[in-house]
Protein backbone atom coordinates (compact mmCIF):
# COMPACT_ATOMS: atom_id res chain seq x y z
CA MET A 1 -0.01 -0.03 -0.01
CA GLN A 2 1.40 3.36 -1.07
CA LYS A 3 1.89 5.74 1.89
CA GLU A 4 1.17 9.39 1.81
CA THR A 5 4.42 11.27 0.99
CA GLN A 6 5.54 13.99 3.37
CA GLU A 7 8.92 15.65 3.54
CA ALA A 8 10.92 18.17 5.49
CA VAL A 9 13.95 20.20 4.37
CA PHE A 10 16.51 19.53 7.06
CA SER A 11 19.25 21.82 5.75
CA GLU A 12 20.10 23.87 2.71
CA LYS A 13 23.35 25.25 1.34
CA LYS A 14 23.60 27.22 -1.88
CA ASP A 15 21.56 25.12 -4.35
CA LYS A 16 21.64 21.87 -2.42
CA GLN A 17 19.02 20.56 0.04
CA LEU A 18 18.95 17.68 2.50
CA VAL A 19 15.43 16.39 2.52
CA TYR A 20 13.86 13.98 5.06
CA LEU A 21 11.06 11.65 4.19
CA PRO A 22 9.69 10.46 7.53
CA GLU A 23 7.30 7.88 6.07
CA LYS A 24 10.35 5.92 4.78
CA CYS A 25 12.40 6.22 8.03
CA ILE A 26 12.70 3.10 10.17
CA GLY A 27 14.48 4.77 13.11
CA CYS A 28 17.73 2.84 12.66
CA GLY A 29 20.06 5.79 13.18
CA THR A 30 22.51 4.68 10.46
CA CYS A 31 22.61 8.28 9.31
CA VAL A 32 23.50 9.42 12.80
CA GLN A 33 26.51 7.11 12.81
CA VAL A 34 28.18 8.81 9.84
CA CYS A 35 27.25 12.50 10.34
CA PRO A 36 30.55 14.41 10.60
CA LYS A 37 29.03 17.28 12.56
CA GLY A 38 26.79 15.27 14.87
CA VAL A 39 23.67 17.31 13.99
CA LEU A 40 21.34 14.37 13.44
CA SER A 41 19.58 12.71 16.34
CA VAL A 42 17.28 9.72 16.60
CA GLY A 43 14.84 9.08 19.45
CA ALA A 44 11.35 8.10 20.59
CA VAL A 45 11.56 5.19 18.24
CA GLY A 46 9.58 2.85 20.52
CA ALA A 47 6.90 5.40 21.34
CA ILE A 48 6.42 6.44 17.70
CA ALA A 49 6.31 2.82 16.41
CA ARG A 50 3.71 1.99 19.09
CA GLY A 51 1.54 5.00 18.11
CA LEU A 52 2.00 6.62 21.49
CA PHE A 53 3.81 9.74 20.26
CA ASP A 54 3.16 11.79 17.16
CA GLY A 55 6.51 12.69 15.67
CA ALA A 56 9.39 11.59 13.47
CA PHE A 57 12.26 9.27 14.45
CA LEU A 58 14.90 11.66 13.14
CA GLU A 59 15.54 15.33 13.85
CA ILE A 60 18.30 17.84 12.99
CA ILE A 61 19.71 20.03 15.73
CA GLY A 62 21.59 23.26 15.15
CA GLU A 63 22.78 24.82 11.96
CA GLU A 64 26.15 23.11 11.41
CA CYS A 65 24.99 20.67 8.70
CA LEU A 66 27.41 20.64 5.82
CA VAL A 67 24.82 19.19 3.39
CA CYS A 68 27.59 16.69 2.54
CA GLY A 69 25.04 13.90 1.88
CA LEU A 70 26.79 11.15 3.79
CA CYS A 71 23.61 10.48 5.81
CA ALA A 72 21.65 10.12 2.61
CA LYS A 73 24.20 7.81 1.12
CA VAL A 74 24.00 5.30 4.00
CA CYS A 75 20.24 5.42 4.56
CA PRO A 76 19.02 1.91 3.56
CA THR A 77 15.44 3.04 2.84
CA GLY A 78 16.02 6.35 1.06
CA ALA A 79 14.46 8.34 3.95
CA LEU A 80 17.11 11.05 3.35
CA GLU A 81 17.71 12.59 0.00
CA LEU A 82 20.22 15.11 -1.28
CA SER A 83 18.84 17.24 -4.02
CA GLN A 84 20.20 20.06 -6.24
CA GLU A 85 17.78 22.60 -7.59
CA GLY A 86 14.94 20.28 -6.69
CA LYS A 87 16.34 17.22 -8.48
CA SER A 88 17.39 14.15 -6.53
CA LEU A 89 21.13 13.34 -6.66
CA LYS A 90 20.60 9.68 -5.68
CA ASP A 91 22.65 7.28 -7.78
CA ASP A 92 24.54 4.01 -7.22
CA SER A 93 26.84 5.71 -4.70
CA TYR A 94 23.83 5.64 -2.35
CA ILE A 95 22.98 2.33 -0.62
CA SER A 96 19.23 2.88 -1.45
CA GLY A 97 20.19 3.69 -5.00
CA ALA A 98 22.50 0.68 -5.46
CA LEU A 99 20.16 -1.83 -3.88
CA LYS A 100 18.54 -4.09 -6.47
CA ALA A 101 14.81 -3.81 -6.50
CA THR A 102 12.91 -6.82 -5.19
CA THR A 103 11.70 -8.58 -8.32
CA VAL A 104 9.00 -11.12 -9.13
CA SER A 105 9.63 -13.46 -12.12
CA GLU A 106 7.10 -15.00 -14.53
CA ASN A 107 7.28 -18.22 -12.45
CA CYS A 108 5.03 -16.55 -9.85
CA ALA A 109 1.92 -18.53 -9.02
CA HIS A 110 0.16 -15.62 -7.41
CA CYS A 111 -0.52 -17.70 -4.33
CA GLY A 112 -0.39 -14.71 -2.02
CA LEU A 113 2.05 -16.08 0.58
CA CYS A 114 4.46 -13.18 0.09
CA GLU A 115 1.58 -10.65 0.59
CA GLU A 116 0.65 -12.35 3.90
CA VAL A 117 4.12 -12.29 5.43
CA CYS A 118 5.47 -8.94 4.28
CA PRO A 119 6.09 -6.91 7.46
CA GLN A 120 5.69 -3.64 5.59
CA ASN A 121 2.53 -4.60 3.77
CA CYS A 122 4.09 -3.45 0.48
CA ILE A 123 3.14 -6.46 -1.67
CA THR A 124 -0.18 -6.64 -3.51
CA VAL A 125 -1.40 -9.80 -5.19
CA THR A 126 -4.36 -9.89 -7.55
CA ARG A 127 -5.45 -13.25 -8.91
CA GLU A 128 -8.35 -15.03 -10.56
CA PRO A 129 -8.92 -18.48 -12.19
CA ALA A 130 -7.52 -18.73 -15.66
CA GLY A 131 -9.95 -18.19 -18.48
CA ASP A 132 -8.71 -21.08 -20.62
CA GLY A 133 -10.36 -23.87 -18.57
CA SER A 134 -7.13 -24.92 -16.82
CA LEU A 135 -6.82 -25.13 -13.07
CA LYS A 136 -4.39 -22.18 -12.79
CA LEU A 137 -4.45 -18.77 -11.23
CA VAL A 138 -3.55 -15.71 -13.28
CA GLY A 139 -2.84 -12.21 -11.94
CA LYS A 140 -0.17 -9.89 -10.78
CA THR A 141 2.21 -9.66 -7.84
CA VAL A 142 3.42 -6.15 -7.36
CA VAL A 143 6.11 -4.98 -4.83
CA ASP A 144 6.04 -1.33 -3.81
CA PRO A 145 9.76 -0.35 -4.09
CA GLU A 146 9.26 2.81 -2.00
CA ASN A 147 8.32 0.86 1.14
CA CYS A 148 10.24 -2.45 0.67
CA VAL A 149 12.92 -2.83 3.37
CA HIS A 150 14.63 -5.84 1.63
CA CYS A 151 14.06 -8.21 4.57
CA GLY A 152 13.72 -11.33 2.40
CA TRP A 153 10.51 -12.75 3.85
CA CYS A 154 8.83 -12.93 0.49
CA GLU A 155 11.81 -14.71 -1.09
CA ALA A 156 11.93 -17.22 1.73
CA VAL A 157 8.26 -18.25 1.58
CA CYS A 158 7.86 -18.28 -2.21
CA PRO A 159 7.10 -21.86 -3.21
CA VAL A 160 8.34 -21.40 -6.78
CA ASP A 161 11.44 -19.34 -6.16
CA ALA A 162 10.02 -16.44 -8.13
CA ILE A 163 11.13 -13.60 -5.90
CA SER A 164 14.65 -12.12 -5.66
CA VAL A 165 15.77 -9.84 -2.79
CA GLU A 166 19.04 -8.09 -2.13
CA LYS A 167 19.77 -7.09 1.48
CA PRO A 168 21.47 -3.75 2.46
CA PHE A 169 23.76 -5.11 5.15
CA GLU A 170 25.34 -8.13 6.78
CA GLY A 171 25.79 -7.90 10.48
CA ARG A 172 25.86 -9.30 14.00
CA TRP A 173 22.96 -9.25 16.47
CA GLU A 174 23.71 -9.82 20.19
CA PHE A 175 21.31 -10.06 23.01
CA LYS A 176 21.96 -9.79 26.78
CA GLU A 177 19.19 -11.86 28.20
CA THR A 178 19.93 -10.97 31.84
CA VAL A 179 19.53 -7.30 31.00
CA CYS A 180 16.33 -7.58 28.93
CA GLN A 181 13.14 -6.87 30.74
CA THR A 182 10.79 -8.26 28.07
CA CYS A 183 9.10 -4.97 27.26
CA HIS A 184 8.91 -6.05 23.62
CA THR A 185 9.79 -2.62 22.32
CA CYS A 186 12.31 -4.17 19.95
CA ILE A 187 9.70 -6.52 18.48
CA GLU A 188 7.31 -3.69 17.64
CA VAL A 189 10.08 -1.47 16.28
CA CYS A 190 11.76 -3.99 13.96
CA PRO A 191 10.87 -3.15 10.36
CA ALA A 192 11.69 -6.60 9.06
CA GLY A 193 9.76 -8.84 11.42
CA ALA A 194 13.10 -10.31 12.56
CA LEU A 195 12.33 -10.39 16.28
CA PHE A 196 9.57 -12.24 18.00
CA ASN A 197 8.45 -13.76 21.31
CA LYS A 198 8.59 -17.54 20.95
CA ALA A 199 5.69 -19.47 22.27
CA GLY A 200 6.60 -22.38 24.56
CA GLU A 201 4.93 -25.34 26.05
CA ALA A 202 4.00 -25.50 29.79
CA GLY A 203 7.16 -25.65 31.79
CA GLU A 204 9.44 -25.04 28.84
CA ARG A 205 12.04 -22.31 29.15
CA VAL A 206 12.17 -19.98 26.13
CA ASP A 207 14.26 -16.98 25.36
CA LYS A 208 12.82 -13.59 26.25
CA ILE A 209 13.37 -12.43 22.65
CA SER A 210 14.07 -14.64 19.64
CA HIS A 211 15.84 -13.58 16.45
CA ARG A 212 15.31 -14.58 12.82
CA PRO A 213 18.74 -14.03 11.25
CA GLU A 214 17.49 -14.59 7.70
CA ALA A 215 14.97 -11.75 8.01
CA CYS A 216 17.23 -9.29 9.84
CA ILE A 217 18.64 -6.38 7.86
CA TYR A 218 20.94 -5.33 10.69
CA CYS A 219 19.69 -1.82 10.61
CA GLY A 220 19.97 -1.45 14.40
CA ALA A 221 16.55 0.12 15.05
CA CYS A 222 15.92 -2.47 17.85
CA ALA A 223 19.09 -1.52 19.68
CA VAL A 224 18.35 2.16 19.34
CA ALA A 225 14.88 1.69 20.83
CA CYS A 226 15.84 -0.68 23.63
CA PRO A 227 15.42 1.24 26.89
CA VAL A 228 17.92 -0.83 28.86
CA ASP A 229 20.65 -1.42 26.26
CA ALA A 230 20.07 -5.20 26.12
CA LEU A 231 20.81 -5.30 22.37
CA ASP A 232 23.93 -4.72 20.34
CA VAL A 233 23.75 -4.61 16.56
CA ARG A 234 26.85 -4.14 14.36
CA LYS A 235 27.02 -3.93 10.56
CA THR A 236 29.83 -6.07 9.15
CA ALA A 237 29.38 -5.48 5.47
CA ILE A 238 27.50 -3.27 2.97
CA LEU A 239 26.12 -5.77 0.42
CA PRO A 240 25.08 -3.78 -2.67
CA GLU A 241 27.66 -3.10 -5.35
CA MET A 242 28.03 0.60 -5.18
CA GLN A 243 30.44 3.39 -5.99
CA LYS A 244 32.74 4.70 -3.24
CA LYS A 245 31.76 1.99 -0.82
CA GLY A 246 35.14 2.03 1.06
CA PRO A 247 34.71 5.38 2.90
CA LEU A 248 31.25 4.42 3.99
CA GLU A 249 32.37 1.03 5.29
CA LYS A 250 35.11 2.80 7.35
CA LYS A 251 32.44 4.82 9.13
CA LEU A 252 29.75 2.16 9.47
CA LEU A 253 31.24 -1.27 9.98
CA GLU A 254 31.38 -2.37 13.58
CA ALA A 255 30.17 1.00 14.74
CA PRO A 256 27.78 0.90 17.70
CA VAL A 257 24.30 2.21 17.23
CA PRO A 258 23.81 5.84 18.28
CA LYS A 259 22.44 6.64 21.74
CA ALA A 260 18.78 7.62 21.45
CA VAL A 261 17.91 11.10 22.37
CA LEU A 262 15.21 11.44 25.03
CA ARG A 263 12.55 13.25 23.09
CA THR A 264 9.56 12.52 25.34
CA SER A 265 8.41 13.38 28.84
CA LEU A 266 5.97 11.48 31.05
CA GLU A 267 2.81 13.31 31.92
CA THR A 268 0.45 11.91 34.56
CA ASP A 269 -3.16 12.42 35.52
CA GLU A 270 -3.24 11.82 39.27
CA ALA A 271 -7.03 12.28 39.41
CA ALA A 272 -7.54 9.39 37.00
CA CYS A 273 -4.83 7.21 38.45
CA LEU A 274 -6.06 4.04 40.35
CA GLY A 275 -2.78 3.53 42.08
CA CYS A 276 -2.52 -0.05 40.78
CA GLY A 277 1.19 0.23 40.17
CA ASN A 278 1.15 -1.70 36.93
CA CYS A 279 3.16 1.06 35.20
CA VAL A 280 5.77 0.97 38.02
CA ILE A 281 6.22 -2.76 37.61
CA VAL A 282 6.42 -2.97 33.77
CA CYS A 283 8.70 0.03 33.27
CA PRO A 284 11.80 -1.67 31.97
CA VAL A 285 14.22 0.73 33.55
CA ASN A 286 12.49 0.36 36.92
CA ALA A 287 12.55 -3.42 36.49
CA ALA A 288 16.24 -3.46 35.56
CA GLU A 289 17.04 -1.84 38.91
CA ASP A 290 15.81 -4.77 40.98
CA ARG A 291 14.63 -8.33 40.31
CA GLU A 292 11.93 -8.12 43.02
CA LEU A 293 10.26 -5.19 41.38
CA ALA A 294 10.39 -6.93 38.02
CA ALA A 295 8.67 -9.93 39.63
CA GLY A 296 5.80 -7.72 40.84
CA HIS A 297 6.75 -7.05 44.39
CA LEU A 298 5.72 -3.40 44.19
CA ASN A 299 6.02 -2.40 47.80
CA ASN A 300 9.34 -4.20 48.60
CA LEU A 301 11.43 -1.27 47.34
CA GLU A 302 11.64 2.22 48.79
CA ASN A 303 13.42 3.72 45.72
CA LYS A 304 12.42 3.37 42.06
CA ALA A 305 14.35 4.65 39.04
CA ILE A 306 11.50 6.42 37.17
CA LEU A 307 7.99 5.75 38.43
CA GLU A 308 6.53 5.06 41.80
CA VAL A 309 3.20 5.10 43.62
CA ARG A 310 2.94 7.87 46.15
CA ASN A 311 -0.12 7.92 48.55
CA GLY A 312 -2.02 5.77 46.10
CA ARG A 313 -1.20 7.89 42.99
CA ILE A 314 1.39 7.67 40.28
CA GLY A 315 4.52 9.84 40.80
CA ILE A 316 7.59 10.46 38.60
CA VAL A 317 10.95 10.12 40.20
CA ASP A 318 13.41 10.96 37.40
CA GLN A 319 12.29 11.87 33.91
CA THR A 320 15.87 11.80 32.52
CA ARG A 321 16.15 8.03 32.92
CA CYS A 322 13.06 7.27 30.83
CA GLY A 323 13.77 5.06 27.78
CA GLY A 324 10.92 6.53 25.76
CA ASP A 325 9.45 3.09 25.08
CA GLY A 326 5.92 3.85 26.37
CA THR A 327 5.40 0.46 28.04
CA CYS A 328 3.88 2.30 31.03
CA ALA A 329 1.32 4.05 28.84
CA LEU A 330 0.36 0.82 27.12
CA ILE A 331 -0.54 -1.00 30.33
CA CYS A 332 -2.40 1.80 32.13
CA PRO A 333 -6.09 0.84 32.27
CA VAL A 334 -7.26 4.45 32.70
CA ASN A 335 -4.83 6.43 30.44
CA ALA A 336 -3.41 8.20 33.56
CA ILE A 337 0.11 8.36 32.05
CA LYS A 338 1.19 9.38 28.55
CA LEU A 339 4.25 10.60 26.61
CA VAL A 340 4.43 14.16 25.45
CA ARG A 341 7.05 16.09 23.54
CA ARG A 342 10.21 17.09 25.35
CA GLU A 343 12.35 19.81 23.85
CA VAL A 344 15.79 18.53 22.82
CA GLU A 345 18.58 20.73 24.14
């Protein structure tokens, strides 16, 4: 499904413009990793992905942007563009320009499996019985190139090997299970459907978070959004054949994901609050402080990191430690806590 196109001019110098297309952005922060002036910031990824905060993943701070275009060159989805006199400069020196489009061959049976599994809903299959009396389906399978993230789900499930996908990166995904608080922010943020909560049988031990390496594009959005730094994602190779790949690899490969900027504040409605303490318990930063709190023993601790119940009502201890994931707002039964915009300094 084609998304409505919006754009913002981030910076302009002479006849060149750096343009941001938020509907294409996946919040991975790859652009932030290469910015020579450090003027790009990524934040509120979890809250935005969950629909709890109206904003964009990426912002530009200050006026020091060189309009050099490095950020646009490494963006895997084309969410940043460098243009000159209104014309895009994207070519095969850009990852999004060099990536081969996901293609569907004539072998396609139009079964619809690819449409069902696409995490970005960017595949449309139309089909009907053949008109020649044979037991065949005829139709079209169309991939929207503007929203495809090249995860490979469609290629993996195609029963007739009719789909070809090129990925942007190879990489390494590491998970610290003892640090993870199972807030599932990473699952909801992942643009490729590469993270999931595995279902287990009664009495079976399962990982808090499971990873599908074949679907992962190693963008790093999950690690950016994790409020307790339980994930580490590193790019180990840029896969498309592109011009001037070497300088980009020097900046990107093995680089840690950028630290998310705290772009939200918690706002409470004490009159509506029931004092149930669910938000205090599920807050991943709170839970990471003490295992007893994570297990639901709300009153066993005097000091909490972010949220606490005071005299039967919700209270905020320290805004600055918030991970911006919005787990507290999701669980509140009476909408007594929400995330609002916080001005970035």
